[in-house]
């Protein structure tokens, strides 16, 4: 299947994370409000935390399911990477060799950029046999091992279906070959089955 190449504007800016050191949750909430970002996907040493902005607050899946994640909290000590994202852009936070780094990809300003949107299925399905929804999150379970995570899809899942994560891949021409290649990627949206970015 051929992918559709679209053109828009985009720019990338490095961000200082020094102000986030005091309270990571408060800093991410402020960044989401300031830039109109909707979702959080944080990978931690002890699990995955999903977040969603709702009524000016950043709600976390680890708070919605404390019985499922008794030790899981959004904290610097366990964080390995976080992506705060939405249609306008993505704030990527990661631990590099020199410490914590951040960059913001803004799709509302910058230079003309070609990109491809791609749908990726999230692992885990929802079973309507038992209540696994705590608004706005739905607990998804994968396989016999029971690996689970809780994306912000309350009331939007169908039994035995996979939710999807929309990603955007940015293209540029290779200076040596002249061929287009993917030079950066970001998350755009998390959607129920069949949703569009």
Protein backbone atom coordinates (compact mmCIF):
# COMPACT_ATOMS: atom_id res chain seq x y z
CA UNK A 1 0.00 0.00 0.00
CA UNK A 2 1.42 3.38 -1.01
CA UNK A 3 1.74 6.00 1.67
CA UNK A 4 0.43 9.50 1.09
CA UNK A 5 3.10 12.19 1.35
CA UNK A 6 1.74 15.46 2.74
CA UNK A 7 3.38 18.87 3.04
CA UNK A 8 3.16 21.21 6.00
CA UNK A 9 5.38 23.43 8.11
CA UNK A 10 7.48 22.28 11.03
CA UNK A 11 10.37 23.35 13.21
CA UNK A 12 12.39 21.73 16.01
CA UNK A 13 13.63 23.61 19.06
CA UNK A 14 15.81 22.35 21.91
CA UNK A 15 14.29 23.04 25.33
CA UNK A 16 15.84 23.52 28.74
CA UNK A 17 14.48 21.11 31.34
CA UNK A 18 16.01 22.79 34.39
CA UNK A 19 12.63 24.24 35.40
CA UNK A 20 11.11 20.73 35.32
CA UNK A 21 13.44 19.39 38.01
CA UNK A 22 11.26 20.55 40.89
CA UNK A 23 7.95 19.00 39.81
CA UNK A 24 7.83 16.94 36.61
CA UNK A 25 4.03 16.57 36.63
CA UNK A 26 3.46 20.32 37.08
CA UNK A 27 5.98 21.16 34.34
CA UNK A 28 4.39 18.74 31.85
CA UNK A 29 0.95 20.16 32.68
CA UNK A 30 2.18 23.71 32.05
CA UNK A 31 3.80 22.69 28.73
CA UNK A 32 0.62 20.92 27.60
CA UNK A 33 -1.48 24.01 28.38
CA UNK A 34 0.98 26.38 26.73
CA UNK A 35 1.24 24.40 23.48
CA UNK A 36 -2.20 22.79 23.19
CA UNK A 37 -0.91 19.24 23.67
CA UNK A 38 -3.35 16.49 24.65
CA UNK A 39 -1.64 13.19 25.52
CA UNK A 40 1.36 11.91 27.49
CA UNK A 41 3.20 8.63 26.95
CA UNK A 42 5.90 8.10 29.58
CA UNK A 43 8.15 5.05 29.66
CA UNK A 44 9.43 4.31 33.13
CA UNK A 45 11.63 1.54 34.49
CA UNK A 46 8.62 0.10 36.30
CA UNK A 47 5.94 0.49 33.58
CA UNK A 48 4.18 2.72 31.08
CA UNK A 49 2.18 5.76 32.13
CA UNK A 50 -0.42 7.31 29.86
CA UNK A 51 -1.75 10.79 30.48
CA UNK A 52 -4.42 13.05 29.04
CA UNK A 53 -5.25 16.72 29.54
CA UNK A 54 -8.77 17.18 30.83
CA UNK A 55 -10.25 20.37 32.30
CA UNK A 56 -6.77 21.92 32.54
CA UNK A 57 -5.31 18.97 34.47
CA UNK A 58 -2.94 16.23 33.37
CA UNK A 59 -4.62 12.98 34.45
CA UNK A 60 -2.41 9.87 34.72
CA UNK A 61 -3.25 6.20 34.20
CA UNK A 62 -1.11 5.25 37.20
CA UNK A 63 -3.47 7.30 39.42
CA UNK A 64 -6.59 5.80 37.80
CA UNK A 65 -5.46 2.22 38.47
CA UNK A 66 -3.46 2.29 41.74
CA UNK A 67 -4.31 -1.37 42.45
CA UNK A 68 -2.80 -2.40 39.11
CA UNK A 69 0.26 -0.15 39.46
CA UNK A 70 1.00 0.20 43.19
CA UNK A 71 4.62 1.35 42.68
CA UNK A 72 4.25 3.23 39.38
CA UNK A 73 4.53 7.02 39.70
CA UNK A 74 5.64 9.78 37.33
CA UNK A 75 9.04 10.67 38.80
CA UNK A 76 12.50 11.51 37.52
CA UNK A 77 14.16 8.53 39.21
CA UNK A 78 12.23 5.97 37.12
CA UNK A 79 11.58 7.92 33.91
CA UNK A 80 13.47 6.87 30.77
CA UNK A 81 11.55 8.85 28.13
CA UNK A 82 8.37 10.93 27.84
CA UNK A 83 6.39 12.25 24.91
CA UNK A 84 3.79 14.97 25.43
CA UNK A 85 1.94 15.25 22.13
CA UNK A 86 -1.07 16.34 20.11
CA UNK A 87 -1.91 17.67 16.65
CA UNK A 88 0.12 20.91 17.13
CA UNK A 89 3.40 19.14 18.01
CA UNK A 90 5.37 16.98 20.43
CA UNK A 91 7.63 17.61 23.39
CA UNK A 92 10.15 14.76 23.64
CA UNK A 93 12.03 14.35 26.91
CA UNK A 94 14.88 11.81 27.15
CA UNK A 95 17.93 10.98 29.21
CA UNK A 96 21.12 11.52 27.18
CA UNK A 97 24.80 11.02 28.07
CA UNK A 98 24.97 14.58 29.48
CA UNK A 99 21.70 14.39 31.40
CA UNK A 100 18.07 15.18 30.61
CA UNK A 101 17.36 16.72 27.21
CA UNK A 102 14.18 17.96 25.54
CA UNK A 103 13.08 19.09 22.13
CA UNK A 104 9.82 20.46 20.82
CA UNK A 105 8.63 19.77 17.29
CA UNK A 106 6.12 22.47 16.33
CA UNK A 107 3.88 21.79 13.32
CA UNK A 108 2.33 25.27 13.37
CA UNK A 109 5.43 27.21 12.27
CA UNK A 110 8.72 26.76 10.44
CA UNK A 111 9.80 25.66 6.99
CA UNK A 112 7.95 23.52 4.44
CA UNK A 113 8.30 19.87 5.37
CA UNK A 114 7.08 16.65 3.76
CA UNK A 115 5.70 13.98 6.08
CA UNK A 116 3.84 10.68 6.20
CA UNK A 117 1.19 9.83 8.80
CA UNK A 118 1.19 6.19 9.90
CA UNK A 119 -1.19 4.18 12.04
CA UNK A 120 0.33 1.76 14.55
CA UNK A 121 -1.76 -0.68 16.55
CA UNK A 122 -1.29 -0.62 20.32
CA UNK A 123 -0.79 -3.97 21.97
CA UNK A 124 -3.55 -5.14 24.25
CA UNK A 125 -7.30 -5.53 23.88
CA UNK A 126 -10.22 -4.69 26.08
CA UNK A 127 -12.61 -7.32 27.32
CA UNK A 128 -16.20 -6.35 28.07
CA UNK A 129 -16.42 -9.30 30.45
CA UNK A 130 -15.22 -7.17 33.35
CA UNK A 131 -15.07 -3.45 33.99
CA UNK A 132 -11.62 -2.19 33.05
CA UNK A 133 -12.46 1.48 32.59
CA UNK A 134 -11.72 4.33 34.99
CA UNK A 135 -12.52 7.52 33.13
CA UNK A 136 -10.77 8.57 30.99
CA UNK A 137 -8.57 5.43 30.84
CA UNK A 138 -9.19 1.87 29.64
CA UNK A 139 -7.00 -0.98 30.85
CA UNK A 140 -5.80 -3.10 27.90
CA UNK A 141 -4.34 -6.56 28.42
CA UNK A 142 -2.06 -8.46 26.03
CA UNK A 143 -1.79 -12.22 25.87
CA UNK A 144 -1.62 -14.88 28.52
CA UNK A 145 1.12 -13.08 30.43
CA UNK A 146 -1.33 -10.29 31.18
CA UNK A 147 0.93 -7.41 30.14
CA UNK A 148 -1.17 -4.28 30.50
CA UNK A 149 -1.31 -0.53 30.03
CA UNK A 150 -4.13 2.01 30.20
CA UNK A 151 -4.38 4.52 27.34
CA UNK A 152 -6.95 7.35 27.54
CA UNK A 153 -9.75 5.67 25.57
CA UNK A 154 -12.56 5.26 28.12
CA UNK A 155 -15.86 4.38 26.50
CA UNK A 156 -14.31 4.12 23.03
CA UNK A 157 -13.06 0.53 22.85
CA UNK A 158 -14.75 -2.53 21.40
CA UNK A 159 -14.03 -5.98 22.79
CA UNK A 160 -11.05 -7.73 21.21
CA UNK A 161 -9.94 -4.74 19.12
CA UNK A 162 -6.70 -2.77 19.20
CA UNK A 163 -6.46 0.96 19.73
CA UNK A 164 -4.09 2.89 17.50
CA UNK A 165 -1.32 5.38 17.83
CA UNK A 166 -0.84 7.85 14.97
CA UNK A 167 2.74 8.77 14.21
CA UNK A 168 4.15 11.35 11.80
CA UNK A 169 7.41 10.67 9.96
CA UNK A 170 9.26 13.69 8.53
CA UNK A 171 11.07 13.33 5.22
CA UNK A 172 14.18 14.96 3.78
CA UNK A 173 16.33 14.26 0.74
CA UNK A 174 19.63 12.50 1.34
CA UNK A 175 22.38 14.83 0.06
CA UNK A 176 24.41 11.93 -1.34
CA UNK A 177 21.75 9.80 -3.03
CA UNK A 178 18.93 12.30 -3.59
CA UNK A 179 16.46 9.79 -2.15
CA UNK A 180 13.90 10.84 0.45
CA UNK A 181 14.34 9.31 3.88
CA UNK A 182 12.69 9.57 7.29
CA UNK A 183 14.72 11.98 9.44
CA UNK A 184 12.45 12.34 12.48
CA UNK A 185 9.22 10.93 13.89
CA UNK A 186 6.72 12.02 16.49
CA UNK A 187 3.44 10.91 18.05
CA UNK A 188 0.30 12.75 16.90
CA UNK A 189 -2.73 11.10 18.54
CA UNK A 190 -3.99 8.01 20.33
CA UNK A 191 -7.33 6.89 18.93
CA UNK A 192 -9.89 4.11 19.27
CA UNK A 193 -10.07 1.53 16.48
CA UNK A 194 -10.88 3.20 13.16
CA UNK A 195 -10.01 6.75 14.30
CA UNK A 196 -8.14 9.26 12.14
CA UNK A 197 -5.41 11.74 13.17
